[in-house]
């Protein structure tokens, strides 16, 4: 089985068939507690916060796909991220990607800081800046690549090597690319994190988080924290994520192909100021993206030329859902300033290039020409707009 391609492993893994019934779907075990045979002989499962067969199946699948030793399923992406941060102690220091997801920014600045955990935001694409940020108490390098929402690509191998030289761990948020396009553990990272709400489940019908570790010892520590903190994924949601994973490769292939076409269209449009997508040769880390990934993914961001064009576009575009989140079968258009990065103060957003005219697009399974035509008419509706005033927040 280890010789199978990634696409085949999505379907043919240790949970392909239920051994007791032959069912080709993992059984859902809603039990909260499990009968024990005697005072001296306890079974593998005792209480579902600690372990559950359905959740365990998902954890084993994601560990296998990421090339790790152990996986963990959480109630949300932020539950996974927050529990991973509990590996830190008072007085420790974190180096973190500067244009990180707003929820992670909030966790770092408003929660961990209360417990004496220090942080430095850095442009992770600049290794010199990363080295300058290292302190004697630096314990974690936290990387989002591609970053949210500016799609910056960080050299995972270089950061992981730097972290090891200083006795620190490397965490990588792999939500945007999934293990189908990027496997951080094989590039030297210690822990991979996912909002499985996004591409892994892929249908806008579940909230979930996943983590995978490379080292057994780190797995023991994270497992202790998962059991102690208790933000575990419910069995119905675990089953939904497993169902979504089965079609991961075909969904990402289709969406990624469409994303490149849309990015090229937007890059040529006079009302579009900037397009952020690693699949464009103009992207600063285009070569690095090609080197460390199997594709640039299905998310792009673009900045419109002024606030009036922005407002007209959002009002006129028809096909994408205008909503929080990404990675679904339907295209989702998001407004980072008021959605994913609302927790980040406006001044901090502006410093990072997250402007009030920036939109993030997660491309779904619609025909790309339909999306391009829709975007074209929405942009055309703003042709008469010549205002340069920013969109008020």
Protein backbone atom coordinates (compact mmCIF):
# COMPACT_ATOMS: atom_id res chain seq x y z
CA UNK A 1 0.00 0.00 0.00
CA UNK A 2 2.92 2.34 0.62
CA UNK A 3 3.64 2.28 -3.13
CA UNK A 4 0.21 3.64 -4.02
CA UNK A 5 -0.10 7.16 -5.36
CA UNK A 6 -1.53 9.86 -3.11
CA UNK A 7 -4.82 9.79 -5.01
CA UNK A 8 -5.21 6.05 -4.40
CA UNK A 9 -4.26 6.37 -0.73
CA UNK A 10 -7.18 8.75 -0.25
CA UNK A 11 -9.47 5.77 -0.83
CA UNK A 12 -7.38 2.70 -0.10
CA UNK A 13 -6.00 2.96 3.42
CA UNK A 14 -6.29 0.95 6.63
CA UNK A 15 -9.89 2.15 6.97
CA UNK A 16 -11.00 1.11 3.49
CA UNK A 17 -13.28 -1.62 4.89
CA UNK A 18 -14.80 -2.12 8.34
CA UNK A 19 -13.21 -5.40 9.54
CA UNK A 20 -16.26 -6.55 11.48
CA UNK A 21 -18.94 -6.01 8.80
CA UNK A 22 -17.18 -5.40 5.50
CA UNK A 23 -18.80 -1.97 5.27
CA UNK A 24 -16.97 0.41 2.94
CA UNK A 25 -17.55 3.37 5.24
CA UNK A 26 -16.04 3.93 8.68
CA UNK A 27 -18.73 3.26 11.32
CA UNK A 28 -19.89 6.18 13.44
CA UNK A 29 -19.49 5.37 17.13
CA UNK A 30 -21.52 7.94 19.10
CA UNK A 31 -20.78 6.27 22.45
CA UNK A 32 -19.51 8.62 25.12
CA UNK A 33 -18.27 5.77 27.31
CA UNK A 34 -17.20 2.14 26.87
CA UNK A 35 -17.81 -0.95 29.00
CA UNK A 36 -14.71 -2.41 30.65
CA UNK A 37 -14.37 -6.15 31.17
CA UNK A 38 -12.99 -6.07 34.69
CA UNK A 39 -11.18 -4.01 37.27
CA UNK A 40 -7.89 -5.43 35.98
CA UNK A 41 -8.52 -5.41 32.24
CA UNK A 42 -9.41 -2.11 30.54
CA UNK A 43 -9.97 -1.94 26.80
CA UNK A 44 -8.44 0.50 24.32
CA UNK A 45 -11.37 2.92 24.69
CA UNK A 46 -12.84 4.17 27.94
CA UNK A 47 -14.21 7.69 27.34
CA UNK A 48 -14.63 9.44 24.01
CA UNK A 49 -12.79 12.61 24.99
CA UNK A 50 -9.68 10.45 25.36
CA UNK A 51 -10.25 8.22 22.32
CA UNK A 52 -13.06 7.24 19.98
CA UNK A 53 -12.86 4.71 17.11
CA UNK A 54 -14.42 7.05 14.54
CA UNK A 55 -12.23 10.01 15.44
CA UNK A 56 -9.22 7.72 15.61
CA UNK A 57 -9.82 6.58 12.02
CA UNK A 58 -9.65 10.19 10.80
CA UNK A 59 -6.53 10.81 12.90
CA UNK A 60 -4.79 7.79 11.40
CA UNK A 61 -5.77 8.80 7.86
CA UNK A 62 -4.45 12.36 8.14
CA UNK A 63 -1.23 11.15 9.82
CA UNK A 64 -0.64 8.79 6.90
CA UNK A 65 -1.36 11.46 4.26
CA UNK A 66 0.99 13.97 5.93
CA UNK A 67 3.75 11.40 6.48
CA UNK A 68 3.57 11.78 10.26
CA UNK A 69 3.53 9.41 13.21
CA UNK A 70 0.32 10.54 14.88
CA UNK A 71 -2.71 12.66 14.05
CA UNK A 72 -5.19 14.55 16.22
CA UNK A 73 -8.72 15.72 15.40
CA UNK A 74 -10.08 18.84 17.08
CA UNK A 75 -13.37 20.70 17.24
CA UNK A 76 -12.04 23.49 14.97
CA UNK A 77 -8.89 24.72 13.31
CA UNK A 78 -8.40 27.20 16.14
CA UNK A 79 -8.81 24.41 18.70
CA UNK A 80 -5.96 22.58 16.98
CA UNK A 81 -3.80 25.71 16.81
CA UNK A 82 -4.56 26.73 20.41
CA UNK A 83 -3.79 23.25 21.75
CA UNK A 84 -0.51 23.18 19.83
CA UNK A 85 0.42 26.52 21.39
CA UNK A 86 -0.14 24.93 24.82
CA UNK A 87 3.16 23.13 24.21
CA UNK A 88 4.73 26.48 25.13
CA UNK A 89 5.41 27.69 28.66
CA UNK A 90 5.58 31.06 30.36
CA UNK A 91 8.60 33.00 29.16
CA UNK A 92 8.82 31.26 25.79
CA UNK A 93 8.98 33.21 22.53
CA UNK A 94 7.28 32.57 19.18
CA UNK A 95 8.34 33.82 15.74
CA UNK A 96 5.28 33.96 13.51
CA UNK A 97 4.34 34.86 9.93
CA UNK A 98 3.27 38.50 9.85
CA UNK A 99 0.19 38.12 7.65
CA UNK A 100 -1.15 35.19 9.61
CA UNK A 101 -4.84 34.26 9.85
CA UNK A 102 -6.73 36.70 12.08
CA UNK A 103 -7.79 34.03 14.57
CA UNK A 104 -4.17 33.00 15.08
CA UNK A 105 -3.20 36.65 15.45
CA UNK A 106 -5.87 37.05 18.13
CA UNK A 107 -4.69 33.93 19.96
CA UNK A 108 -1.08 35.13 19.97
CA UNK A 109 -1.69 38.77 20.89
CA UNK A 110 -4.67 38.57 23.24
CA UNK A 111 -4.46 35.14 24.87
CA UNK A 112 -0.89 33.80 24.92
CA UNK A 113 0.47 37.22 25.85
CA UNK A 114 -1.61 37.09 29.05
CA UNK A 115 0.35 33.99 30.09
CA UNK A 116 3.78 35.48 29.52
CA UNK A 117 4.43 33.98 26.09
CA UNK A 118 6.21 36.47 23.86
CA UNK A 119 5.97 36.83 20.10
CA UNK A 120 7.50 38.56 17.09
CA UNK A 121 5.75 38.91 13.75
CA UNK A 122 8.13 38.57 10.82
CA UNK A 123 8.03 38.43 7.05
CA UNK A 124 8.91 34.74 6.88
CA UNK A 125 9.95 35.06 3.25
CA UNK A 126 12.98 37.07 4.43
CA UNK A 127 15.35 34.67 6.21
CA UNK A 128 17.55 37.51 7.41
CA UNK A 129 14.58 39.08 9.19
CA UNK A 130 13.72 35.72 10.72
CA UNK A 131 17.28 35.26 12.02
CA UNK A 132 17.28 38.77 13.50
CA UNK A 133 14.06 37.96 15.38
CA UNK A 134 15.49 34.87 17.11
CA UNK A 135 15.88 35.21 20.87
CA UNK A 136 17.41 32.84 23.45
CA UNK A 137 13.88 31.88 24.52
CA UNK A 138 12.51 31.26 21.00
CA UNK A 139 10.76 27.89 21.10
CA UNK A 140 8.46 27.88 18.07
CA UNK A 141 8.62 29.13 14.48
CA UNK A 142 5.01 29.37 13.32
CA UNK A 143 4.62 29.38 9.55
CA UNK A 144 1.62 29.91 7.30
CA UNK A 145 2.51 29.09 3.73
CA UNK A 146 0.96 30.23 1.53
CA UNK A 147 0.03 32.92 4.01
CA UNK A 148 -3.46 34.25 4.57
CA UNK A 149 -4.44 36.45 2.79
CA UNK A 150 -1.39 37.64 0.81
CA UNK A 151 -0.28 34.18 -0.37
CA UNK A 152 3.37 34.65 0.61
CA UNK A 153 5.39 31.45 0.29
CA UNK A 154 7.87 30.55 3.04
CA UNK A 155 10.79 28.18 2.58
CA UNK A 156 9.75 25.44 5.01
CA UNK A 157 13.03 23.55 4.71
CA UNK A 158 15.12 26.65 5.47
CA UNK A 159 12.94 27.72 8.43
CA UNK A 160 12.92 24.19 9.87
CA UNK A 161 16.71 23.99 9.62
CA UNK A 162 17.04 27.36 11.35
CA UNK A 163 14.63 26.28 14.09
CA UNK A 164 16.56 23.09 14.77
CA UNK A 165 19.80 25.03 15.07
CA UNK A 166 18.22 26.94 17.95
CA UNK A 167 16.42 24.03 19.60
CA UNK A 168 12.97 25.25 18.51
CA UNK A 169 9.99 23.58 16.87
CA UNK A 170 8.49 24.43 13.50
CA UNK A 171 4.69 24.56 13.19
CA UNK A 172 3.18 24.86 9.70
CA UNK A 173 -0.41 25.75 8.91
CA UNK A 174 -1.06 23.66 5.79
CA UNK A 175 -4.74 24.58 5.37
CA UNK A 176 -4.42 26.24 1.96
CA UNK A 177 -2.57 23.42 0.20
CA UNK A 178 -3.38 20.24 2.19
CA UNK A 179 -1.05 17.22 2.05
CA UNK A 180 -2.06 16.71 -1.58
CA UNK A 181 -0.01 19.74 -2.64
CA UNK A 182 2.43 20.21 0.27
CA UNK A 183 3.86 17.96 2.98
CA UNK A 184 5.68 20.11 5.54
CA UNK A 185 6.83 17.21 7.74
CA UNK A 186 8.86 15.83 4.83
CA UNK A 187 10.49 19.26 4.50
CA UNK A 188 11.61 19.31 8.14
CA UNK A 189 8.65 20.74 10.06
CA UNK A 190 7.68 19.20 13.40
CA UNK A 191 3.94 19.79 13.49
CA UNK A 192 1.35 20.42 10.77
CA UNK A 193 -1.98 22.12 11.41
CA UNK A 194 -5.19 22.26 9.38
CA UNK A 195 -8.53 23.90 9.47
CA UNK A 196 -10.21 20.77 8.12
CA UNK A 197 -13.31 22.93 7.69
CA UNK A 198 -11.70 24.02 4.44
CA UNK A 199 -10.33 21.88 1.61
CA UNK A 200 -10.08 18.60 3.51
CA UNK A 201 -13.81 18.39 4.19
CA UNK A 202 -14.59 20.67 1.26
CA UNK A 203 -18.36 21.10 1.45
CA UNK A 204 -19.08 23.97 3.88
CA UNK A 205 -20.89 21.57 6.20
CA UNK A 206 -18.46 20.86 9.04
CA UNK A 207 -16.12 22.73 11.40
CA UNK A 208 -12.98 20.75 12.29
CA UNK A 209 -9.27 21.00 12.98
CA UNK A 210 -6.40 18.54 12.54
CA UNK A 211 -2.81 18.28 13.70
CA UNK A 212 -0.06 15.85 12.72
CA UNK A 213 3.33 15.36 14.37
CA UNK A 214 6.51 13.81 13.04
CA UNK A 215 8.00 12.75 16.38
CA UNK A 216 6.44 10.18 18.71
CA UNK A 217 7.56 12.10 21.79
CA UNK A 218 5.93 15.29 20.55
CA UNK A 219 2.84 13.22 19.81
CA UNK A 220 2.68 12.06 23.41
CA UNK A 221 2.87 15.65 24.62
CA UNK A 222 0.19 16.87 22.22
CA UNK A 223 -2.02 13.88 23.02
CA UNK A 224 -1.83 14.72 26.72
CA UNK A 225 -2.86 18.30 25.94
CA UNK A 226 -5.71 17.20 23.68
CA UNK A 227 -7.10 14.97 26.42
CA UNK A 228 -6.60 17.66 29.07
CA UNK A 229 -8.00 20.56 27.05
CA UNK A 230 -10.76 18.43 25.58
CA UNK A 231 -11.63 20.30 22.38
CA UNK A 232 -12.05 17.07 20.42
CA UNK A 233 -13.94 16.54 17.18
CA UNK A 234 -17.37 14.91 17.37
CA UNK A 235 -17.87 11.61 15.58
CA UNK A 236 -20.43 12.86 13.05
CA UNK A 237 -18.07 15.64 12.01
CA UNK A 238 -15.12 13.21 11.90
CA UNK A 239 -17.09 11.06 9.46
CA UNK A 240 -17.91 14.08 7.29
CA UNK A 241 -14.23 15.04 7.09
CA UNK A 242 -13.30 11.48 6.09
CA UNK A 243 -15.96 11.54 3.38
CA UNK A 244 -14.61 14.84 2.09
CA UNK A 245 -11.02 13.60 2.02
CA UNK A 246 -11.96 10.86 -0.45
CA UNK A 247 -12.48 13.45 -3.21
CA UNK A 248 -9.67 15.81 -2.15
CA UNK A 249 -7.43 15.30 -5.17
CA UNK A 250 -10.06 15.75 -7.87
CA UNK A 251 -11.53 18.80 -6.15
CA UNK A 252 -8.16 20.51 -5.80
CA UNK A 253 -7.11 19.63 -9.35
CA UNK A 254 -10.24 21.22 -10.79
CA UNK A 255 -10.21 24.25 -8.50
CA UNK A 256 -6.48 24.90 -8.96
CA UNK A 257 -6.77 24.78 -12.74
CA UNK A 258 -9.60 27.30 -12.61
CA UNK A 259 -7.73 29.52 -10.16
CA UNK A 260 -4.80 30.01 -12.52
CA UNK A 261 -7.14 31.06 -15.33
CA UNK A 262 -8.95 33.52 -13.07
CA UNK A 263 -5.67 34.89 -11.70
CA UNK A 264 -4.40 35.53 -15.23
CA UNK A 265 -7.66 37.28 -16.12
CA UNK A 266 -7.57 39.50 -13.04
CA UNK A 267 -3.89 40.34 -13.50
CA UNK A 268 -4.68 41.87 -16.90
CA UNK A 269 -7.73 43.84 -15.83
CA UNK A 270 -7.26 47.63 -15.50
CA UNK A 271 -9.50 47.83 -12.41
CA UNK A 272 -7.36 45.30 -10.52
CA UNK A 273 -4.39 46.84 -8.75
CA UNK A 274 -2.66 43.64 -7.61
CA UNK A 275 -3.15 39.86 -7.74
CA UNK A 276 -1.59 37.58 -5.13
CA UNK A 277 -1.25 34.00 -6.36
CA UNK A 278 1.87 31.76 -6.32
CA UNK A 279 0.86 30.24 -9.65
CA UNK A 280 1.63 33.48 -11.49
CA UNK A 281 5.22 33.81 -12.72
CA UNK A 282 5.16 37.39 -11.41
CA UNK A 283 4.77 36.16 -7.81
CA UNK A 284 7.97 36.84 -5.79
CA UNK A 285 8.16 33.24 -4.56
CA UNK A 286 7.00 31.57 -7.77
CA UNK A 287 10.16 29.44 -8.07
CA UNK A 288 10.05 28.43 -4.40
CA UNK A 289 6.40 27.47 -4.68
CA UNK A 290 7.20 25.23 -7.64
CA UNK A 291 10.05 23.65 -5.70
CA UNK A 292 8.33 22.78 -2.42
CA UNK A 293 4.75 22.16 -3.53
CA UNK A 294 2.88 20.13 -6.12
CA UNK A 295 0.83 23.15 -7.11
CA UNK A 296 -0.11 26.68 -6.01
CA UNK A 297 -3.58 25.78 -4.78
CA UNK A 298 -7.05 27.21 -5.24
CA UNK A 299 -6.92 30.46 -3.27
CA UNK A 300 -5.93 33.89 -4.56
CA UNK A 301 -6.31 37.43 -3.33
CA UNK A 302 -6.70 40.58 -5.38
CA UNK A 303 -6.81 44.28 -4.62
CA UNK A 304 -9.17 46.51 -6.58
CA UNK A 305 -8.08 49.98 -7.63
CA UNK A 306 -10.32 51.99 -5.29
CA UNK A 307 -13.15 51.78 -2.81
CA UNK A 308 -15.95 52.53 -5.25
CA UNK A 309 -14.86 49.85 -7.71
CA UNK A 310 -14.57 47.50 -4.77
CA UNK A 311 -18.10 48.16 -3.55
CA UNK A 312 -19.59 47.91 -7.04
CA UNK A 313 -17.81 44.64 -7.71
CA UNK A 314 -19.03 43.01 -4.48
CA UNK A 315 -22.58 44.20 -5.16
CA UNK A 316 -22.63 42.97 -8.77
CA UNK A 317 -20.78 39.64 -8.64
CA UNK A 318 -23.26 36.73 -8.76
CA UNK A 319 -21.65 33.30 -8.57
CA UNK A 320 -19.36 33.24 -5.49
CA UNK A 321 -20.80 33.12 -2.01
CA UNK A 322 -19.73 36.29 -0.18
CA UNK A 323 -18.80 34.72 3.12
CA UNK A 324 -16.23 33.71 5.70
CA UNK A 325 -14.18 30.56 5.03
CA UNK A 326 -12.69 28.89 1.95
CA UNK A 327 -11.91 25.53 0.40
CA UNK A 328 -15.41 24.43 -0.56
CA UNK A 329 -17.04 23.05 -3.68
CA UNK A 330 -18.64 26.46 -4.23
CA UNK A 331 -16.47 29.53 -4.81
CA UNK A 332 -16.24 31.79 -1.78
CA UNK A 333 -15.38 35.48 -1.96
CA UNK A 334 -14.18 36.93 1.34
CA UNK A 335 -13.34 40.39 2.63
CA UNK A 336 -10.32 39.93 4.94
CA UNK A 337 -10.61 43.36 6.59
CA UNK A 338 -14.04 42.50 8.00
CA UNK A 339 -13.95 38.71 7.94
CA UNK A 340 -10.83 36.58 8.39
CA UNK A 341 -8.72 39.46 9.75
CA UNK A 342 -11.31 41.49 11.64
CA UNK A 343 -9.44 40.68 14.86
CA UNK A 344 -6.37 42.50 13.53
CA UNK A 345 -6.42 46.29 14.10
CA UNK A 346 -6.64 48.36 10.92
CA UNK A 347 -3.17 49.82 11.40
CA UNK A 348 -1.67 46.34 11.68
CA UNK A 349 -3.56 45.20 8.60
CA UNK A 350 -2.35 48.16 6.57
CA UNK A 351 1.28 47.55 7.61
CA UNK A 352 0.95 44.03 6.21
CA UNK A 353 -0.69 45.11 2.97
CA UNK A 354 -4.16 43.88 3.93
CA UNK A 355 -5.98 46.89 2.53
CA UNK A 356 -9.65 47.84 2.58
CA UNK A 357 -9.89 47.00 -1.13
CA UNK A 358 -8.47 43.48 -0.82
CA UNK A 359 -10.61 40.44 -1.58
CA UNK A 360 -9.76 36.76 -1.13
CA UNK A 361 -11.21 34.21 -3.53
CA UNK A 362 -11.41 30.49 -2.91
CA UNK A 363 -12.25 28.92 -6.26
CA UNK A 364 -14.76 26.09 -6.27
CA UNK A 365 -15.91 23.62 -8.90
CA UNK A 366 -17.85 25.97 -11.17
CA UNK A 367 -16.70 26.25 -14.77
CA UNK A 368 -13.88 28.83 -14.86
CA UNK A 369 -15.33 30.66 -17.86
CA UNK A 370 -18.58 31.22 -15.95
CA UNK A 371 -16.62 32.74 -13.08
CA UNK A 372 -14.54 34.91 -15.44
CA UNK A 373 -17.65 36.18 -17.21
CA UNK A 374 -19.25 36.93 -13.86
CA UNK A 375 -16.18 38.82 -12.67
CA UNK A 376 -15.96 40.64 -15.98
CA UNK A 377 -19.51 41.97 -15.76
CA UNK A 378 -19.05 42.96 -12.12
CA UNK A 379 -15.89 44.88 -12.95
CA UNK A 380 -17.49 46.41 -16.04
CA UNK A 381 -20.26 47.77 -13.81
CA UNK A 382 -17.60 49.93 -12.18
CA UNK A 383 -16.28 51.43 -15.43
CA UNK A 384 -17.99 54.71 -14.76
CA UNK A 385 -16.47 54.94 -11.29
CA UNK A 386 -13.44 57.17 -11.12
CA UNK A 387 -13.41 57.76 -7.37
CA UNK A 388 -10.29 57.14 -5.35
CA UNK A 389 -11.79 57.27 -1.89
CA UNK A 390 -11.14 54.19 0.29
CA UNK A 391 -14.04 52.03 1.33
CA UNK A 392 -15.07 53.15 4.83
CA UNK A 393 -14.99 50.45 7.50
